[in-house]
Amino acid sequence: MVFRTSETLSQEINQLIEWLGNIGHTENGGVTRLLYSASWLEAQTAVKKKMEEMGLSSRFDDVGNVFGRLEGTEERDRVILVGSHIDTVVDGGKYDGAFGVLAAMIATEQLYLQYGAPKKTIETVSLCEEEGSRFHLAFWGSGSITGRYHLSDASQVTDAENVTLEDAMHEVGFGTGTYPSAKREDIACFLETHIEQGQILESEKISWAAVSHIVGMKRMTIHLTGTSNHAGTTPMERRRDSLYAASQMIADVIGNAKKQKNGLVATVGQLSLLPNVGNVIPGTCVFSLDVRHHEYDVLNKFCRDEIETFKSIARQEGIDIEIKTWLDDSPVRMDPMMTQRHLELAQEAGIPFKKMVSGAGHDSQIFGVYCPTAMMFVPSHNGVSHSPKEFTKTEDLETGVRMLMKILYQMAY
């Protein structure tokens, strides 16, 4: 393969990262693009236009995924799909998801400029949603493509303002049949390049990794109901304090996760109180729980045991408890043959590389049970992600794009 110069490629990568990062830019230097928000729509529309400028024929589907197609000369009907997601967490970074979308666009554009049309059709994709930041539903974009979700599911999910996913989708012009159905039957395989969002690659001075597995995860909302009452006149033995019960539950689950020593992680990242007043016993407490592991049996047993503990604590404190598991994803293995071939290409390229497990969830886990799927990582500086401080060095971004070019060249040309 003949590659363009490093300086030119680096400039294009950095320019596009900054360009897309400015859409939804926050005062803290981060990015907020929640599904179907104004900043999300602006970004997704801008990506569609940029795909066209790069010589790809672009289109929306009915949930707002954007595709840029480079037609194959021999095999047109089966598509090599490559990309990632456009949405972010609140005040997130400009690399998570976005780099995978831009890497796919740049790699496809450069292959076309150097070698012309591929033998097999390549489609870049900017998936509409992955994070689950606005609605208690993640992977709406990839899930709609693969049949995991259907439009009818959108009426059952609401955001913090009680807006349904369906209404939010309609508000920005999707979900009404204006665009083709999101469900696809023509995808031969899926490729995703992503920042690691952890410290392993940087600490080991490794430039690139092929992912072998993506961890399974369970996400829950725990709703505790006690009694709001006066902080000074209610005896301690007569209190139904939802926050006190929650604090015991949180201490138990985090403490037990630390004892596992097997890669399992547990996080309580959200907590809300009512009435949330300093001199009133909290009557209602709601908190989140996120648990992950690459073996489903380990994940499931840990969560099952903790739920029983939560119920026991609730009974002891006289608290009503409701536990809703709104995400329950099994670990997913990436396609072994694709992963091995990509490792061989990295060895041929002479770069430091490794095979590793992803501790974060990605669209690749949705595609991984639908079609042959491969995922690749580039380092994250200090392992920081979902933060305005998220950063990946230019040379590592360039390695990610060049490796994707090598992979696509082998697969499509």
Protein backbone atom coordinates (compact mmCIF):
# COMPACT_ATOMS: atom_id res chain seq x y z
CA MET A 1 0.00 0.00 0.00
CA VAL A 2 1.08 3.58 -0.68
CA PHE A 3 0.18 5.86 2.24
CA ARG A 4 -0.10 9.62 2.18
CA THR A 5 2.47 11.57 4.22
CA SER A 6 2.19 11.50 7.98
CA GLU A 7 2.03 15.29 8.24
CA THR A 8 -0.90 15.58 5.86
CA LEU A 9 -2.84 12.74 7.45
CA SER A 10 -2.23 14.07 10.95
CA GLN A 11 -3.49 17.49 9.92
CA GLU A 12 -6.69 16.04 8.51
CA ILE A 13 -7.33 13.95 11.62
CA ASN A 14 -6.76 16.87 13.98
CA GLN A 15 -8.82 19.28 11.90
CA LEU A 16 -11.78 16.93 11.80
CA ILE A 17 -11.53 16.09 15.52
CA GLU A 18 -11.64 19.80 16.36
CA TRP A 19 -14.35 20.49 13.78
CA LEU A 20 -16.70 17.87 15.18
CA GLY A 21 -15.74 18.63 18.79
CA ASN A 22 -16.93 22.21 18.37
CA ILE A 23 -20.49 21.01 17.81
CA GLY A 24 -21.99 20.74 21.27
CA HIS A 25 -18.92 22.36 22.84
CA THR A 26 -19.34 23.12 26.56
CA GLU A 27 -17.90 25.84 28.79
CA ASN A 28 -15.66 23.26 30.45
CA GLY A 29 -14.05 22.34 27.13
CA GLY A 30 -16.09 19.17 26.77
CA VAL A 31 -18.84 18.08 24.40
CA THR A 32 -22.53 17.40 25.03
CA ARG A 33 -24.52 15.79 22.22
CA LEU A 34 -27.48 13.91 23.66
CA LEU A 35 -29.69 11.84 21.37
CA TYR A 36 -32.10 13.98 19.29
CA SER A 37 -30.96 17.25 20.89
CA ALA A 38 -30.18 20.33 18.79
CA SER A 39 -26.41 19.75 19.06
CA TRP A 40 -26.85 16.09 18.12
CA LEU A 41 -28.87 17.00 15.03
CA GLU A 42 -26.35 19.63 13.99
CA ALA A 43 -23.47 17.17 14.34
CA GLN A 44 -25.19 14.31 12.54
CA THR A 45 -26.23 16.58 9.68
CA ALA A 46 -22.70 18.00 9.45
CA VAL A 47 -21.23 14.49 9.30
CA LYS A 48 -23.62 13.59 6.50
CA LYS A 49 -22.51 16.64 4.52
CA LYS A 50 -18.83 15.88 5.20
CA MET A 51 -19.30 12.34 3.89
CA GLU A 52 -20.62 13.80 0.65
CA GLU A 53 -17.64 16.17 0.42
CA MET A 54 -15.39 13.12 0.75
CA GLY A 55 -17.02 11.49 -2.27
CA LEU A 56 -19.40 9.14 -0.44
CA SER A 57 -23.10 8.89 -1.20
CA SER A 58 -24.79 9.61 2.12
CA ARG A 59 -28.20 9.02 3.65
CA PHE A 60 -30.10 8.92 6.92
CA ASP A 61 -32.14 5.97 8.07
CA ASP A 62 -35.38 6.30 10.02
CA VAL A 63 -33.78 6.52 13.48
CA GLY A 64 -31.07 8.99 12.44
CA ASN A 65 -28.06 6.81 11.70
CA VAL A 66 -25.98 8.31 8.87
CA PHE A 67 -24.28 6.21 6.20
CA GLY A 68 -21.65 7.14 3.61
CA ARG A 69 -21.44 4.55 0.83
CA LEU A 70 -18.54 3.70 -1.47
CA GLU A 71 -19.96 1.29 -4.02
CA GLY A 72 -18.05 -1.88 -4.82
CA THR A 73 -17.27 -2.86 -8.39
CA GLU A 74 -17.78 -6.60 -7.90
CA GLU A 75 -19.73 -7.21 -4.69
CA ARG A 76 -22.31 -4.48 -4.24
CA ASP A 77 -25.03 -6.11 -2.21
CA ARG A 78 -23.02 -7.14 0.88
CA VAL A 79 -21.64 -4.23 2.87
CA ILE A 80 -18.49 -3.81 4.97
CA LEU A 81 -19.82 -1.42 7.63
CA VAL A 82 -17.28 0.68 9.51
CA GLY A 83 -17.74 3.47 12.04
CA SER A 84 -18.90 4.30 15.55
CA HIS A 85 -21.32 6.65 17.35
CA ILE A 86 -21.95 10.40 17.32
CA ASP A 87 -23.62 10.97 20.71
CA THR A 88 -21.79 11.79 23.94
CA VAL A 89 -22.29 11.75 27.67
CA VAL A 90 -22.95 15.10 29.35
CA ASP A 91 -19.77 17.19 29.19
CA GLY A 92 -17.85 14.30 27.64
CA GLY A 93 -14.77 14.21 25.46
CA LYS A 94 -14.31 14.85 21.75
CA TYR A 95 -12.72 11.45 20.95
CA ASP A 96 -15.18 8.88 22.35
CA GLY A 97 -17.21 7.58 19.41
CA ALA A 98 -16.36 10.57 17.23
CA PHE A 99 -12.85 9.32 16.43
CA GLY A 100 -14.24 6.01 15.19
CA VAL A 101 -16.67 7.82 12.90
CA LEU A 102 -13.98 10.14 11.53
CA ALA A 103 -11.37 7.36 11.23
CA ALA A 104 -13.80 5.39 9.08
CA MET A 105 -14.48 8.40 6.87
CA ILE A 106 -10.81 9.34 6.47
CA ALA A 107 -9.65 5.77 5.82
CA THR A 108 -12.35 5.20 3.19
CA GLU A 109 -11.72 8.53 1.53
CA GLN A 110 -7.96 7.95 1.32
CA LEU A 111 -8.33 4.43 -0.05
CA TYR A 112 -10.63 5.75 -2.75
CA LEU A 113 -8.24 8.59 -3.64
CA GLN A 114 -5.29 6.20 -3.89
CA TYR A 115 -6.89 3.10 -5.39
CA GLY A 116 -10.28 4.07 -6.76
CA ALA A 117 -13.45 2.12 -6.13
CA PRO A 118 -13.18 -1.03 -3.99
CA LYS A 119 -14.24 -4.47 -5.16
CA LYS A 120 -16.57 -4.77 -2.15
CA THR A 121 -18.92 -2.04 -0.96
CA ILE A 122 -17.79 -0.06 2.07
CA GLU A 123 -20.19 2.00 4.14
CA THR A 124 -19.06 4.38 6.85
CA VAL A 125 -21.59 4.92 9.63
CA SER A 126 -22.20 7.56 12.26
CA LEU A 127 -24.50 5.71 14.63
CA CYS A 128 -27.12 7.90 16.21
CA GLU A 129 -26.76 6.70 19.82
CA GLU A 130 -24.69 4.43 22.02
CA GLU A 131 -24.23 6.02 25.43
CA GLY A 132 -27.68 5.80 27.04
CA SER A 133 -27.10 9.30 28.43
CA ARG A 134 -30.51 10.80 27.74
CA PHE A 135 -32.78 7.76 27.85
CA HIS A 136 -32.49 4.55 29.90
CA LEU A 137 -31.74 2.67 26.72
CA ALA A 138 -28.34 2.27 25.12
CA PHE A 139 -27.25 1.27 21.59
CA TRP A 140 -30.40 2.66 19.94
CA GLY A 141 -28.53 3.15 16.64
CA SER A 142 -26.85 -0.24 16.30
CA GLY A 143 -29.78 -1.96 18.00
CA SER A 144 -32.20 -0.60 15.42
CA ILE A 145 -29.96 -1.78 12.57
CA THR A 146 -29.62 -5.32 13.94
CA GLY A 147 -33.22 -5.83 15.08
CA ARG A 148 -32.48 -5.62 18.81
CA TYR A 149 -34.87 -2.66 18.95
CA HIS A 150 -37.94 -1.63 16.98
CA LEU A 151 -39.67 1.72 16.55
CA SER A 152 -42.44 0.53 18.85
CA ASP A 153 -39.92 0.41 21.71
CA ALA A 154 -39.52 4.19 21.52
CA SER A 155 -42.90 4.90 23.12
CA GLN A 156 -41.92 3.02 26.29
CA VAL A 157 -38.81 4.99 27.23
CA THR A 158 -38.60 8.50 28.71
CA ASP A 159 -35.86 10.94 29.64
CA ALA A 160 -35.49 12.96 32.86
CA GLU A 161 -38.05 15.49 31.58
CA ASN A 162 -40.56 12.69 30.88
CA VAL A 163 -40.18 13.13 27.12
CA THR A 164 -40.56 9.81 25.32
CA LEU A 165 -37.91 8.60 22.94
CA GLU A 166 -40.62 8.50 20.30
CA ASP A 167 -41.56 12.16 20.78
CA ALA A 168 -37.93 13.26 20.83
CA MET A 169 -37.29 11.32 17.62
CA HIS A 170 -40.33 12.83 15.88
CA GLU A 171 -39.32 16.32 17.01
CA VAL A 172 -36.19 16.18 14.84
CA GLY A 173 -37.83 14.46 11.88
CA PHE A 174 -37.08 10.78 12.42
CA GLY A 175 -39.22 7.74 13.15
CA THR A 176 -42.00 8.80 10.82
CA GLY A 177 -41.15 6.75 7.73
CA THR A 178 -39.55 9.67 5.89
CA TYR A 179 -36.29 7.74 5.68
CA PRO A 180 -35.62 4.03 4.99
CA SER A 181 -36.06 1.56 7.83
CA ALA A 182 -33.05 1.18 10.10
CA LYS A 183 -33.18 -2.64 9.98
CA ARG A 184 -30.50 -4.05 7.69
CA GLU A 185 -30.01 -7.51 6.15
CA ASP A 186 -27.04 -6.70 3.90
CA ILE A 187 -24.19 -6.22 6.37
CA ALA A 188 -21.31 -8.64 5.81
CA CYS A 189 -19.29 -7.44 8.80
CA PHE A 190 -18.75 -4.49 11.13
CA LEU A 191 -15.50 -2.73 12.09
CA GLU A 192 -15.08 -0.18 14.87
CA THR A 193 -12.02 1.82 15.85
CA HIS A 194 -12.24 3.45 19.28
CA ILE A 195 -10.17 5.05 21.99
CA GLU A 196 -9.43 2.57 24.77
CA GLN A 197 -10.92 4.70 27.59
CA GLY A 198 -8.48 3.01 29.97
CA GLN A 199 -4.80 3.08 30.90
CA ILE A 200 -3.54 -0.28 29.66
CA LEU A 201 -2.18 0.67 26.24
CA GLU A 202 -0.48 3.87 27.32
CA SER A 203 1.05 2.29 30.44
CA GLU A 204 2.44 -0.56 28.36
CA LYS A 205 3.60 1.82 25.59
CA ILE A 206 1.44 0.07 23.01
CA SER A 207 0.05 1.92 19.99
CA TRP A 208 -2.85 -0.28 18.94
CA ALA A 209 -4.90 -3.26 20.09
CA ALA A 210 -7.32 -5.78 18.64
CA VAL A 211 -10.21 -6.47 21.01
CA SER A 212 -11.04 -10.12 21.67
CA HIS A 213 -14.08 -9.69 23.95
CA ILE A 214 -16.37 -6.94 25.23
CA VAL A 215 -17.53 -7.29 28.81
CA GLY A 216 -21.12 -8.00 29.73
CA MET A 217 -22.90 -5.42 31.82
CA LYS A 218 -25.96 -4.92 33.93
CA ARG A 219 -27.38 -1.47 34.65
CA MET A 220 -30.04 -1.01 37.30
CA THR A 221 -32.05 1.71 38.96
CA ILE A 222 -32.82 1.15 42.65
CA HIS A 223 -35.79 3.13 43.98
CA LEU A 224 -36.15 3.32 47.78
CA THR A 225 -39.21 4.75 49.52
CA GLY A 226 -39.25 5.59 53.23
CA THR A 227 -40.89 8.47 55.08
CA SER A 228 -39.93 12.15 54.98
CA ASN A 229 -40.08 13.63 58.46
CA HIS A 230 -38.63 16.28 60.76
CA ALA A 231 -34.92 15.90 61.44
CA GLY A 232 -35.23 17.05 65.03
CA THR A 233 -38.44 15.48 66.29
CA THR A 234 -38.29 11.99 64.80
CA PRO A 235 -36.50 9.47 67.07
CA MET A 236 -33.77 7.46 65.38
CA GLU A 237 -35.50 4.15 66.07
CA ARG A 238 -38.69 5.34 64.33
CA ARG A 239 -37.13 6.57 61.14
CA ARG A 240 -37.61 5.15 57.66
CA ASP A 241 -34.55 6.84 56.16
CA SER A 242 -34.15 5.98 52.49
CA LEU A 243 -30.68 7.53 52.24
CA TYR A 244 -29.36 5.57 55.20
CA ALA A 245 -30.60 2.35 53.59
CA ALA A 246 -29.05 3.37 50.27
CA SER A 247 -25.71 4.13 51.93
CA GLN A 248 -25.58 0.61 53.37
CA MET A 249 -26.41 -0.90 49.98
CA ILE A 250 -23.82 1.18 48.15
CA ALA A 251 -21.12 0.38 50.70
CA ASP A 252 -21.93 -3.31 50.40
CA VAL A 253 -21.85 -3.52 46.60
CA ILE A 254 -18.69 -1.44 46.18
CA GLY A 255 -16.94 -3.25 49.02
CA ASN A 256 -17.77 -6.66 47.59
CA ALA A 257 -16.68 -5.62 44.10
CA LYS A 258 -13.28 -4.65 45.49
CA LYS A 259 -12.96 -8.11 47.03
CA GLN A 260 -13.56 -9.95 43.72
CA LYS A 261 -10.05 -9.54 42.27
CA ASN A 262 -11.27 -11.00 38.96
CA GLY A 263 -11.80 -7.93 36.81
CA LEU A 264 -15.38 -7.29 37.94
CA VAL A 265 -16.23 -3.61 38.41
CA ALA A 266 -19.27 -1.98 40.04
CA THR A 267 -20.21 1.70 39.98
CA VAL A 268 -22.89 3.85 41.59
CA GLY A 269 -22.78 7.02 39.51
CA GLN A 270 -26.16 8.64 40.13
CA LEU A 271 -28.10 9.36 43.31
CA SER A 272 -31.12 11.58 43.87
CA LEU A 273 -33.07 12.45 47.01
CA LEU A 274 -36.49 13.80 47.89
CA PRO A 275 -37.10 16.23 49.38
CA ASN A 276 -33.31 16.86 49.41
CA VAL A 277 -33.52 19.35 52.28
CA GLY A 278 -30.92 19.54 55.04
CA ASN A 279 -33.31 19.28 57.98
CA VAL A 280 -35.67 16.64 56.58
CA ILE A 281 -35.20 12.86 56.64
CA PRO A 282 -34.98 11.68 52.99
CA GLY A 283 -38.23 9.92 52.11
CA THR A 284 -37.13 8.85 48.64
CA CYS A 285 -33.73 7.85 47.33
CA VAL A 286 -32.96 6.61 43.83
CA PHE A 287 -29.52 5.41 42.76
CA SER A 288 -27.94 3.70 39.76
CA LEU A 289 -25.84 0.56 39.66
CA ASP A 290 -23.53 -0.47 36.81
CA VAL A 291 -21.77 -3.87 37.04
CA ARG A 292 -19.44 -5.36 34.37
CA HIS A 293 -17.43 -8.53 33.75
CA HIS A 294 -16.31 -10.55 30.74
CA GLU A 295 -17.91 -13.79 32.06
CA TYR A 296 -21.68 -13.70 32.33
CA ASP A 297 -21.90 -16.31 35.12
CA VAL A 298 -19.65 -14.19 37.32
CA LEU A 299 -21.58 -11.05 36.48
CA ASN A 300 -24.98 -12.64 37.06
CA LYS A 301 -24.09 -14.26 40.40
CA PHE A 302 -22.63 -11.05 41.78
CA CYS A 303 -25.73 -9.06 40.85
CA ARG A 304 -28.10 -11.73 42.13
CA ASP A 305 -26.33 -11.83 45.49
CA GLU A 306 -26.31 -8.04 45.79
CA ILE A 307 -30.01 -7.77 45.00
CA GLU A 308 -30.77 -10.16 47.83
CA THR A 309 -28.60 -8.08 50.15
CA PHE A 310 -30.37 -4.88 49.06
CA LYS A 311 -33.75 -6.44 49.83
CA SER A 312 -32.51 -7.60 53.24
CA ILE A 313 -31.28 -4.10 54.10
CA ALA A 314 -34.58 -2.60 52.94
CA ARG A 315 -36.55 -4.95 55.21
CA GLN A 316 -34.28 -4.16 58.14
CA GLU A 317 -34.77 -0.41 57.69
CA GLY A 318 -38.49 -0.56 56.89
CA ILE A 319 -37.94 0.72 53.36
CA ASP A 320 -39.90 -0.19 50.24
CA ILE A 321 -37.56 -1.17 47.40
CA GLU A 322 -38.04 -1.42 43.64
CA ILE A 323 -35.18 -2.64 41.44
CA LYS A 324 -35.35 -2.16 37.69
CA THR A 325 -32.70 -3.81 35.51
CA TRP A 326 -32.85 -1.77 32.31
CA LEU A 327 -29.72 -3.10 30.60
CA ASP A 328 -28.60 -6.74 30.71
CA ASP A 329 -25.97 -7.48 28.07
CA SER A 330 -23.92 -10.66 27.92
CA PRO A 331 -20.20 -10.55 27.10
CA VAL A 332 -19.56 -10.70 23.38
CA ARG A 333 -16.62 -12.29 21.59
CA MET A 334 -15.29 -10.52 18.52
CA ASP A 335 -14.84 -12.62 15.38
CA PRO A 336 -11.72 -14.74 16.07
CA MET A 337 -10.59 -14.98 12.43
CA MET A 338 -10.88 -11.25 11.84
CA THR A 339 -9.13 -10.50 15.12
CA GLN A 340 -6.24 -12.83 14.30
CA ARG A 341 -5.79 -11.39 10.83
CA HIS A 342 -5.75 -7.87 12.22
CA LEU A 343 -3.08 -8.85 14.72
CA GLU A 344 -1.03 -10.22 11.83
CA LEU A 345 -1.43 -6.94 9.95
CA ALA A 346 -0.22 -5.04 13.01
CA GLN A 347 2.82 -7.30 13.19
CA GLU A 348 3.52 -6.68 9.50
CA ALA A 349 3.21 -2.93 10.13
CA GLY A 350 5.87 -3.14 12.84
CA ILE A 351 3.89 -1.29 15.50
CA PRO A 352 3.60 -2.18 19.22
CA PHE A 353 0.29 -4.02 19.58
CA LYS A 354 -1.63 -6.46 21.75
CA LYS A 355 -4.92 -8.36 22.07
CA MET A 356 -7.15 -7.26 24.94
CA VAL A 357 -10.62 -7.31 26.52
CA SER A 358 -12.75 -4.16 26.47
CA GLY A 359 -14.07 -3.13 29.87
CA ALA A 360 -16.45 -0.63 28.28
CA GLY A 361 -19.54 -1.37 26.26
CA HIS A 362 -19.53 -0.54 22.55
CA ASP A 363 -21.70 -0.85 19.47
CA SER A 364 -19.44 -3.72 18.45
CA GLN A 365 -21.06 -5.91 21.09
CA ILE A 366 -24.44 -5.36 19.42
CA PHE A 367 -23.09 -6.14 15.96
CA GLY A 368 -21.00 -8.99 17.38
CA VAL A 369 -24.05 -11.23 17.84
CA TYR A 370 -25.43 -10.21 14.44
CA CYS A 371 -22.49 -10.41 12.02
CA PRO A 372 -18.69 -10.94 12.07
CA THR A 373 -17.33 -7.99 14.03
CA ALA A 374 -13.90 -6.62 14.89
CA MET A 375 -12.92 -3.83 17.23
CA MET A 376 -9.66 -1.94 17.49
CA PHE A 377 -8.30 0.39 20.20
CA VAL A 378 -5.88 3.29 20.28
CA PRO A 379 -4.54 4.62 23.62
CA SER A 380 -6.24 7.12 25.93
CA HIS A 381 -3.94 9.52 27.76
CA ASN A 382 -4.00 8.69 31.49
CA GLY A 383 -7.00 6.47 30.83
CA VAL A 384 -9.35 9.46 31.07
CA SER A 385 -12.65 9.30 29.17
CA HIS A 386 -16.19 10.67 29.44
CA SER A 387 -14.49 13.91 30.44
CA PRO A 388 -13.35 17.17 28.83
CA LYS A 389 -9.81 15.96 29.68
CA GLU A 390 -10.16 13.02 27.29
CA PHE A 391 -7.15 13.02 24.95
CA THR A 392 -5.30 10.78 22.51
CA LYS A 393 -1.98 11.72 20.93
CA THR A 394 -2.00 12.57 17.25
CA GLU A 395 0.48 9.80 16.41
CA ASP A 396 -1.82 7.24 18.06
CA LEU A 397 -4.84 8.56 16.18
CA GLU A 398 -2.84 8.29 12.97
CA THR A 399 -1.89 4.71 13.80
CA GLY A 400 -5.57 3.90 14.24
CA VAL A 401 -6.44 5.35 10.84
CA ARG A 402 -3.53 3.68 9.06
CA MET A 403 -4.37 0.30 10.57
CA LEU A 404 -7.99 0.73 9.50
CA MET A 405 -6.78 1.54 5.99
CA LYS A 406 -4.70 -1.65 5.94
CA ILE A 407 -7.64 -3.70 7.17
CA LEU A 408 -10.13 -2.21 4.70
CA TYR A 409 -7.66 -2.54 1.83
CA GLN A 410 -7.23 -6.23 2.55
CA MET A 411 -10.96 -6.82 2.93
CA ALA A 412 -12.37 -4.68 0.13
CA TYR A 413 -9.64 -4.32 -2.52
